[in-house]
C-alpha atoms as a PDB file:
ATOM      1  CA  MET A   1      -1.365-110.139   5.311  1.00  0.00           C
ATOM      2  CA  SER A   2       1.698-110.548   7.505  1.00  0.00           C
ATOM      3  CA  GLU A   3       3.827-108.057   5.530  1.00  0.00           C
ATOM      4  CA  ARG A   4       4.467-104.823   7.370  1.00  0.00           C
ATOM      5  CA  LEU A   5       4.828-101.183   6.402  1.00  0.00           C
ATOM      6  CA  PHE A   6       7.684 -99.192   8.094  1.00  0.00           C
ATOM      7  CA  VAL A   7       7.719 -95.414   7.911  1.00  0.00           C
ATOM      8  CA  ILE A   8      11.116 -93.848   8.435  1.00  0.00           C
ATOM      9  CA  SER A   9      11.418 -90.059   8.840  1.00  0.00           C
ATOM     10  CA  ALA A  10      14.281 -87.743   9.777  1.00  0.00           C
ATOM     11  CA  PRO A  11      15.360 -84.141   9.464  1.00  0.00           C
ATOM     12  CA  SER A  12      17.396 -83.357   6.404  1.00  0.00           C
ATOM     13  CA  GLY A  13      20.988 -84.446   6.944  1.00  0.00           C
ATOM     14  CA  ALA A  14      20.356 -86.999   9.650  1.00  0.00           C
ATOM     15  CA  GLY A  15      21.594 -89.858   7.453  1.00  0.00           C
ATOM     16  CA  LYS A  16      18.297 -91.491   6.637  1.00  0.00           C
ATOM     17  CA  THR A  17      19.011 -92.454   3.077  1.00  0.00           C
ATOM     18  CA  SER A  18      22.386 -93.959   3.877  1.00  0.00           C
ATOM     19  CA  LEU A  19      20.952 -95.936   6.779  1.00  0.00           C
ATOM     20  CA  VAL A  20      18.136 -97.314   4.685  1.00  0.00           C
ATOM     21  CA  LYS A  21      20.578 -98.388   1.905  1.00  0.00           C
ATOM     22  CA  ALA A  22      22.602-100.294   4.510  1.00  0.00           C
ATOM     23  CA  LEU A  23      19.481-101.779   6.002  1.00  0.00           C
ATOM     24  CA  LEU A  24      18.376-103.084   2.598  1.00  0.00           C
ATOM     25  CA  GLN A  25      21.704-104.888   2.261  1.00  0.00           C
ATOM     26  CA  ARG A  26      21.285-106.338   5.731  1.00  0.00           C
ATOM     27  CA  LEU A  27      17.633-107.480   5.228  1.00  0.00           C
ATOM     28  CA  PRO A  28      17.219-108.447   1.489  1.00  0.00           C
ATOM     29  CA  GLY A  29      13.497-109.109   1.898  1.00  0.00           C
ATOM     30  CA  LEU A  30      12.846-105.413   2.471  1.00  0.00           C
ATOM     31  CA  ARG A  31      11.716-103.053  -0.279  1.00  0.00           C
ATOM     32  CA  VAL A  32      11.555 -99.337  -0.519  1.00  0.00           C
ATOM     33  CA  SER A  33       8.661 -97.487  -2.031  1.00  0.00           C
ATOM     34  CA  THR A  34      10.097 -94.946  -4.432  1.00  0.00           C
ATOM     35  CA  SER A  35       8.451 -91.550  -3.966  1.00  0.00           C
ATOM     36  CA  HIS A  36       7.452 -89.002  -6.622  1.00  0.00           C
ATOM     37  CA  THR A  37       8.876 -85.528  -6.287  1.00  0.00           C
ATOM     38  CA  THR A  38       8.791 -82.246  -8.132  1.00  0.00           C
ATOM     39  CA  ARG A  39      12.328 -81.267  -7.142  1.00  0.00           C
ATOM     40  CA  PRO A  40      15.066 -81.524  -9.820  1.00  0.00           C
ATOM     41  CA  PRO A  41      17.401 -84.511  -9.573  1.00  0.00           C
ATOM     42  CA  ARG A  42      20.813 -84.132  -8.053  1.00  0.00           C
ATOM     43  CA  PRO A  43      23.763 -85.072 -10.212  1.00  0.00           C
ATOM     44  CA  ASN A  44      24.099 -88.597  -8.779  1.00  0.00           C
ATOM     45  CA  GLU A  45      20.348 -89.392  -8.909  1.00  0.00           C
ATOM     46  CA  GLN A  46      18.424 -91.369 -11.524  1.00  0.00           C
ATOM     47  CA  ASP A  47      14.722 -91.240 -12.289  1.00  0.00           C
ATOM     48  CA  GLY A  48      13.019 -94.276 -10.866  1.00  0.00           C
ATOM     49  CA  ARG A  49      15.866 -95.090  -8.473  1.00  0.00           C
ATOM     50  CA  GLU A  50      15.984 -92.361  -5.807  1.00  0.00           C
ATOM     51  CA  TYR A  51      12.713 -90.755  -6.929  1.00  0.00           C
ATOM     52  CA  TYR A  52      10.277 -90.511  -9.795  1.00  0.00           C
ATOM     53  CA  PHE A  53      10.976 -86.976 -10.926  1.00  0.00           C
ATOM     54  CA  VAL A  54       7.813 -85.265 -12.237  1.00  0.00           C
ATOM     55  CA  SER A  55       6.642 -81.747 -13.053  1.00  0.00           C
ATOM     56  CA  PRO A  56       4.333 -79.845 -10.747  1.00  0.00           C
ATOM     57  CA  ALA A  57       1.500 -80.368 -13.315  1.00  0.00           C
ATOM     58  CA  GLN A  58       2.128 -84.110 -13.379  1.00  0.00           C
ATOM     59  CA  PHE A  59       2.212 -84.260  -9.613  1.00  0.00           C
ATOM     60  CA  GLN A  60      -1.061 -82.396  -9.334  1.00  0.00           C
ATOM     61  CA  GLN A  61      -2.649 -84.785 -11.788  1.00  0.00           C
ATOM     62  CA  LEU A  62      -1.626 -87.719  -9.635  1.00  0.00           C
ATOM     63  CA  VAL A  63      -3.114 -85.936  -6.607  1.00  0.00           C
ATOM     64  CA  ASP A  64      -6.393 -85.372  -8.538  1.00  0.00           C
ATOM     65  CA  GLU A  65      -6.422 -89.093  -9.460  1.00  0.00           C
ATOM     66  CA  GLN A  66      -5.958 -90.018  -5.779  1.00  0.00           C
ATOM     67  CA  ALA A  67      -2.880 -91.986  -6.742  1.00  0.00           C
ATOM     68  CA  PHE A  68      -0.988 -91.137  -3.512  1.00  0.00           C
ATOM     69  CA  LEU A  69      -1.172 -92.714  -0.124  1.00  0.00           C
ATOM     70  CA  GLU A  70       0.323 -89.479   1.201  1.00  0.00           C
ATOM     71  CA  HIS A  71       1.764 -86.360  -0.224  1.00  0.00           C
ATOM     72  CA  ALA A  72       3.300 -83.228   1.308  1.00  0.00           C
ATOM     73  CA  GLN A  73       5.216 -80.099   0.502  1.00  0.00           C
ATOM     74  CA  VAL A  74       8.804 -80.087   1.856  1.00  0.00           C
ATOM     75  CA  PHE A  75      10.640 -76.841   1.371  1.00  0.00           C
ATOM     76  CA  ASP A  76       9.623 -75.655  -2.104  1.00  0.00           C
ATOM     77  CA  ASN A  77       8.858 -79.086  -3.547  1.00  0.00           C
ATOM     78  CA  PHE A  78       6.211 -81.750  -3.385  1.00  0.00           C
ATOM     79  CA  TYR A  79       6.695 -85.417  -2.519  1.00  0.00           C
ATOM     80  CA  GLY A  80       4.182 -88.318  -2.681  1.00  0.00           C
ATOM     81  CA  THR A  81       3.917 -92.036  -2.073  1.00  0.00           C
ATOM     82  CA  SER A  82       2.314 -94.116  -4.851  1.00  0.00           C
ATOM     83  CA  LEU A  83      -0.516 -96.197  -3.422  1.00  0.00           C
ATOM     84  CA  GLY A  84      -0.444 -98.661  -6.341  1.00  0.00           C
ATOM     85  CA  GLN A  85       3.308 -99.249  -6.003  1.00  0.00           C
ATOM     86  CA  LEU A  86       2.995 -99.882  -2.253  1.00  0.00           C
ATOM     87  CA  ARG A  87       0.185-102.341  -2.757  1.00  0.00           C
ATOM     88  CA  GLU A  88       2.162-104.254  -5.378  1.00  0.00           C
ATOM     89  CA  LYS A  89       5.215-104.632  -3.099  1.00  0.00           C
ATOM     90  CA  LEU A  90       3.163-105.768  -0.084  1.00  0.00           C
ATOM     91  CA  ALA A  91       1.152-108.188  -2.256  1.00  0.00           C
ATOM     92  CA  ALA A  92       4.472-109.679  -3.542  1.00  0.00           C
ATOM     93  CA  GLY A  93       5.249-110.616   0.094  1.00  0.00           C
ATOM     94  CA  HIS A  94       7.708-107.925   1.017  1.00  0.00           C
ATOM     95  CA  ASP A  95       7.986-105.682   4.075  1.00  0.00           C
ATOM     96  CA  VAL A  96       8.098-102.124   2.714  1.00  0.00           C
ATOM     97  CA  ILE A  97       9.904 -98.940   3.929  1.00  0.00           C
ATOM     98  CA  LEU A  98       8.635 -95.498   3.153  1.00  0.00           C
ATOM     99  CA  GLU A  99      11.227 -92.733   3.490  1.00  0.00           C
ATOM    100  CA  ILE A 100       8.997 -89.690   4.051  1.00  0.00           C
ATOM    101  CA  ASP A 101       8.848 -86.596   6.270  1.00  0.00           C
ATOM    102  CA  TRP A 102       6.780 -86.240   9.428  1.00  0.00           C
ATOM    103  CA  GLN A 103       3.839 -84.734   7.517  1.00  0.00           C
ATOM    104  CA  GLY A 104       3.629 -87.781   5.320  1.00  0.00           C
ATOM    105  CA  ALA A 105       4.119 -90.075   8.305  1.00  0.00           C
ATOM    106  CA  ARG A 106       1.162 -88.506   9.959  1.00  0.00           C
ATOM    107  CA  GLN A 107      -1.039 -89.133   6.895  1.00  0.00           C
ATOM    108  CA  VAL A 108       0.118 -92.740   6.578  1.00  0.00           C
ATOM    109  CA  ARG A 109      -0.489 -93.395  10.267  1.00  0.00           C
ATOM    110  CA  ALA A 110      -4.070 -92.083   9.854  1.00  0.00           C
ATOM    111  CA  ALA A 111      -4.729 -94.195   6.792  1.00  0.00           C
ATOM    112  CA  LEU A 112      -2.887 -97.335   7.926  1.00  0.00           C
ATOM    113  CA  PRO A 113      -2.720 -97.296  11.773  1.00  0.00           C
ATOM    114  CA  GLY A 114      -0.997-100.715  11.831  1.00  0.00           C
ATOM    115  CA  CYS A 115       2.196 -99.288  10.313  1.00  0.00           C
ATOM    116  CA  CYS A 116       5.399 -98.999  12.296  1.00  0.00           C
ATOM    117  CA  THR A 117       6.973 -95.474  12.477  1.00  0.00           C
ATOM    118  CA  ILE A 118      10.618 -94.706  13.120  1.00  0.00           C
ATOM    119  CA  PHE A 119      12.257 -91.301  13.530  1.00  0.00           C
ATOM    120  CA  ILE A 120      16.030 -90.829  13.067  1.00  0.00           C
ATOM    121  CA  LEU A 121      17.826 -88.105  14.994  1.00  0.00           C
ATOM    122  CA  PRO A 122      21.321 -86.711  14.516  1.00  0.00           C
ATOM    123  CA  PRO A 123      23.496 -86.716  17.669  1.00  0.00           C
ATOM    124  CA  SER A 124      23.706 -82.889  17.833  1.00  0.00           C
ATOM    125  CA  LEU A 125      22.998 -79.753  15.835  1.00  0.00           C
ATOM    126  CA  PRO A 126      26.746 -79.213  15.071  1.00  0.00           C
ATOM    127  CA  ALA A 127      26.862 -82.729  13.631  1.00  0.00           C
ATOM    128  CA  LEU A 128      23.772 -82.040  11.544  1.00  0.00           C
ATOM    129  CA  LYS A 129      25.272 -78.834  10.205  1.00  0.00           C
ATOM    130  CA  ALA A 130      28.523 -80.670   9.307  1.00  0.00           C
ATOM    131  CA  ARG A 131      26.609 -83.339   7.398  1.00  0.00           C
ATOM    132  CA  LEU A 132      24.615 -80.754   5.460  1.00  0.00           C
ATOM    133  CA  ASN A 133      27.830 -78.891   4.559  1.00  0.00           C
ATOM    134  CA  GLY A 134      29.469 -82.122   3.544  1.00  0.00           C
ATOM    135  CA  ARG A 135      26.868 -82.819   0.846  1.00  0.00           C
ATOM    136  CA  ALA A 136      28.364 -80.085  -1.405  1.00  0.00           C
ATOM    137  CA  THR A 137      25.167 -80.001  -3.345  1.00  0.00           C
ATOM    138  CA  ASP A 138      23.317 -77.131  -1.652  1.00  0.00           C
ATOM    139  CA  SER A 139      24.117 -73.464  -1.305  1.00  0.00           C
ATOM    140  CA  ALA A 140      24.936 -71.881   2.029  1.00  0.00           C
ATOM    141  CA  ALA A 141      21.519 -70.270   2.143  1.00  0.00           C
ATOM    142  CA  VAL A 142      19.830 -73.586   1.545  1.00  0.00           C
ATOM    143  CA  ILE A 143      21.890 -75.287   4.241  1.00  0.00           C
ATOM    144  CA  ALA A 144      21.012 -72.554   6.723  1.00  0.00           C
ATOM    145  CA  ARG A 145      17.330 -72.920   5.955  1.00  0.00           C
ATOM    146  CA  ARG A 146      17.499 -76.743   6.224  1.00  0.00           C
ATOM    147  CA  LEU A 147      19.237 -76.453   9.548  1.00  0.00           C
ATOM    148  CA  ALA A 148      16.601 -74.065  10.865  1.00  0.00           C
ATOM    149  CA  ASP A 149      13.770 -76.261   9.590  1.00  0.00           C
ATOM    150  CA  ALA A 150      15.365 -79.367  11.068  1.00  0.00           C
ATOM    151  CA  VAL A 151      14.606 -78.207  14.627  1.00  0.00           C
ATOM    152  CA  ALA A 152      10.916 -77.820  13.696  1.00  0.00           C
ATOM    153  CA  ASP A 153      10.927 -81.238  12.067  1.00  0.00           C
ATOM    154  CA  MET A 154      12.542 -82.873  15.099  1.00  0.00           C
ATOM    155  CA  SER A 155       9.886 -81.458  17.416  1.00  0.00           C
ATOM    156  CA  HIS A 156       7.580 -84.144  16.010  1.00  0.00           C
ATOM    157  CA  TRP A 157       9.643 -87.062  17.326  1.00  0.00           C
ATOM    158  CA  GLN A 158       6.962 -87.986  19.897  1.00  0.00           C
ATOM    159  CA  GLU A 159       4.562 -88.915  17.094  1.00  0.00           C
ATOM    160  CA  PHE A 160       6.690 -91.914  16.224  1.00  0.00           C
ATOM    161  CA  ASP A 161       6.849 -95.444  17.702  1.00  0.00           C
ATOM    162  CA  TYR A 162      10.627 -95.650  17.771  1.00  0.00           C
ATOM    163  CA  VAL A 163      13.587 -93.247  17.719  1.00  0.00           C
ATOM    164  CA  VAL A 164      17.110 -94.055  16.496  1.00  0.00           C
ATOM    165  CA  VAL A 165      19.973 -91.714  17.141  1.00  0.00           C
ATOM    166  CA  ASN A 166      22.501 -91.793  14.287  1.00  0.00           C
ATOM    167  CA  ASP A 167      25.654 -91.074  16.254  1.00  0.00           C
ATOM    168  CA  ASP A 168      27.356 -94.361  15.215  1.00  0.00           C
ATOM    169  CA  PHE A 169      26.355 -95.525  11.747  1.00  0.00           C
ATOM    170  CA  ASP A 170      26.739 -99.267  12.246  1.00  0.00           C
ATOM    171  CA  ARG A 171      24.988 -99.208  15.577  1.00  0.00           C
ATOM    172  CA  ALA A 172      22.100 -97.221  14.052  1.00  0.00           C
ATOM    173  CA  VAL A 173      21.801 -99.846  11.333  1.00  0.00           C
ATOM    174  CA  ASP A 174      21.737-102.587  13.987  1.00  0.00           C
ATOM    175  CA  GLU A 175      18.968-100.712  15.896  1.00  0.00           C
ATOM    176  CA  LEU A 176      16.877-100.296  12.729  1.00  0.00           C
ATOM    177  CA  ALA A 177      17.230-103.941  11.872  1.00  0.00           C
ATOM    178  CA  ALA A 178      16.184-104.850  15.387  1.00  0.00           C
ATOM    179  CA  ILE A 179      13.026-102.715  15.123  1.00  0.00           C
ATOM    180  CA  ILE A 180      12.097-104.278  11.793  1.00  0.00           C
ATOM    181  CA  GLN A 181      12.719-107.738  13.067  1.00  0.00           C
ATOM    182  CA  GLY A 182      10.395-107.166  16.031  1.00  0.00           C
ATOM    183  CA  ALA A 183      13.095-106.773  18.673  1.00  0.00           C
ATOM    184  CA  GLY A 184      13.147-103.028  19.071  1.00  0.00           C
ATOM    185  CA  ASP A 185      11.657-102.405  22.505  1.00  0.00           C
ATOM    186  CA  ALA A 186      14.847-100.739  23.698  1.00  0.00           C
ATOM    187  CA  PHE A 187      14.470 -98.116  21.002  1.00  0.00           C
ATOM    188  CA  ARG A 188      10.926 -96.974  21.702  1.00  0.00           C
ATOM    189  CA  ALA A 189      10.342 -93.236  21.542  1.00  0.00           C
ATOM    190  CA  ASP A 190       9.330 -93.020  25.220  1.00  0.00           C
ATOM    191  CA  ARG A 191      12.676 -94.226  26.582  1.00  0.00           C
ATOM    192  CA  ALA A 192      14.404 -92.038  29.151  1.00  0.00           C
ATOM    193  CA  ASP A 193      17.862 -91.896  27.599  1.00  0.00           C
ATOM    194  CA  LEU A 194      16.596 -89.711  24.770  1.00  0.00           C
ATOM    195  CA  THR A 195      16.058 -86.709  27.124  1.00  0.00           C
ATOM    196  CA  PRO A 196      19.617 -85.328  27.025  1.00  0.00           C
ATOM    197  CA  VAL A 197      19.872 -85.785  23.252  1.00  0.00           C
ATOM    198  CA  LEU A 198      16.624 -83.979  22.632  1.00  0.00           C
ATOM    199  CA  ALA A 199      17.510 -81.223  25.116  1.00  0.00           C
ATOM    200  CA  ASN A 200      20.507 -80.492  22.892  1.00  0.00           C
ATOM    201  CA  LEU A 201      18.665 -80.812  19.618  1.00  0.00           C
ATOM    202  CA  LEU A 202      15.526 -78.904  20.505  1.00  0.00           C
ATOM    203  CA  GLU A 203      17.095 -76.482  23.009  1.00  0.00           C
ATOM    204  CA  PHE A 204      14.667 -77.154  25.781  1.00  0.00           C
ATOM    205  CA  PRO A 205      15.942 -77.607  29.390  1.00  0.00           C
ATOM    206  CA  THR A 206      16.488 -81.039  30.753  1.00  0.00           C
ATOM    207  CA  PRO A 207      14.003 -81.677  33.560  1.00  0.00           C
END
């Protein structure tokens, strides 16, 4: 099967969802695997579009049935990728994107080592905080927690094949498209120009 699976992860507020939406418009053959979650829907979300919203009991039943390719707890909620849904999309001839956190990405990489993994970084911590504040859907306490957890999430960037810095939205979409089309060597995770960005984000000294 020539179809490929692309795993895209990012800290909360890095712009992953908006980038993926733009990418789908750019590359119409792509599909997104819709995750299941136990978190309540936000006002602009619909069941079956952004997520399949299920109760904790329903989620646990799916875990027991081994229905998930991966599942993880993020903050106080659970998220999981339907194995059946993924197989259907790949069998239909589509490349598929999974929007999941680094924990899920690690599980997918172990189960399907041929997948391509991409991590999205914000340009700076102040930019990330501004984006989280701009959502107007979370309380100040939740935003503070998400910002603190973002640093821990970003520390896993080296586990990914590629890294895209979302400092310019259109350029980030271009870079994601290049990776998916097999022309992303310039955006590999081991490139030198990531060092100053990561020194700012993770607060470690630049060598």
